[in-house]
């Protein structure tokens, strides 16, 4: 039997500073998670050494990183 329930912890957004975790959040909806990513860049992007990463845990892939990898 397959579950059709949404995965409330599918999209994981983390904020780190100089390699140490500062905060994180989980969302079940891609559009909401991407919106949070953009707003968190505005809110937390000025933290020294800030790095934000959005990952789709169900597909084990990174969706967005700020600042962009060089």
Protein backbone atom coordinates (compact mmCIF):
# COMPACT_ATOMS: atom_id res chain seq x y z
CA UNK A 1 0.00 0.00 0.00
CA UNK A 2 1.37 3.40 -0.99
CA UNK A 3 0.88 6.53 1.05
CA UNK A 4 -0.41 9.66 -0.67
CA UNK A 5 0.19 11.86 2.36
CA UNK A 6 2.44 14.87 1.69
CA UNK A 7 5.99 14.69 3.00
CA UNK A 8 6.09 17.60 5.44
CA UNK A 9 9.88 17.37 5.64
CA UNK A 10 10.68 17.14 1.93
CA UNK A 11 12.23 20.57 1.30
CA UNK A 12 14.94 21.46 3.81
CA UNK A 13 16.40 24.96 4.01
CA UNK A 14 19.50 25.59 6.11
CA UNK A 15 21.40 28.72 7.05
CA UNK A 16 24.99 28.36 8.15
CA UNK A 17 27.68 30.84 9.12
CA UNK A 18 31.33 29.96 8.60
CA UNK A 19 30.32 26.32 8.28
CA UNK A 20 28.22 26.15 11.45
CA UNK A 21 24.44 25.72 11.36
CA UNK A 22 22.46 28.76 12.45
CA UNK A 23 18.88 27.74 11.64
CA UNK A 24 16.81 25.52 9.40
CA UNK A 25 13.25 24.87 8.29
CA UNK A 26 11.22 22.20 6.52
CA UNK A 27 8.37 22.56 4.03
CA UNK A 28 6.23 20.12 2.06
CA UNK A 29 5.68 22.47 -0.90
CA UNK A 30 8.41 23.37 -3.41
CA UNK A 31 7.02 26.83 -4.18
CA UNK A 32 6.75 27.74 -0.50
CA UNK A 33 10.29 26.47 0.20
CA UNK A 34 11.71 28.48 -2.72
CA UNK A 35 9.88 31.58 -1.48
CA UNK A 36 11.38 31.07 1.97
CA UNK A 37 14.82 30.69 0.38
CA UNK A 38 14.50 34.09 -1.28
CA UNK A 39 13.18 35.79 1.87
CA UNK A 40 15.85 34.17 4.06
CA UNK A 41 18.60 35.43 1.74
CA UNK A 42 17.24 38.93 2.39
CA UNK A 43 16.94 38.36 6.14
CA UNK A 44 20.09 36.35 6.88
CA UNK A 45 22.39 37.00 3.93
CA UNK A 46 24.28 39.67 5.86
CA UNK A 47 25.43 37.24 8.57
CA UNK A 48 29.22 36.95 8.25
CA UNK A 49 30.07 33.88 6.18
CA UNK A 50 26.39 33.14 5.51
CA UNK A 51 25.46 30.24 3.24
CA UNK A 52 21.91 29.13 2.47
CA UNK A 53 21.10 25.76 0.98
CA UNK A 54 17.74 24.37 -0.16
CA UNK A 55 17.58 20.60 -0.62
CA UNK A 56 14.85 18.31 -1.92
CA UNK A 57 15.30 15.45 0.55
CA UNK A 58 12.99 13.08 -1.38
CA UNK A 59 15.16 13.34 -4.50
CA UNK A 60 18.44 13.90 -2.61
CA UNK A 61 19.35 16.95 -4.68
CA UNK A 62 20.30 20.54 -3.99
CA UNK A 63 17.82 23.03 -5.45
CA UNK A 64 19.45 26.35 -4.55
CA UNK A 65 22.55 27.70 -2.85
CA UNK A 66 23.41 31.28 -1.86
CA UNK A 67 25.86 32.70 -2.48
CA UNK A 68 26.29 30.89 -5.78
CA UNK A 69 29.17 28.42 -5.92
CA UNK A 70 32.16 29.80 -7.78
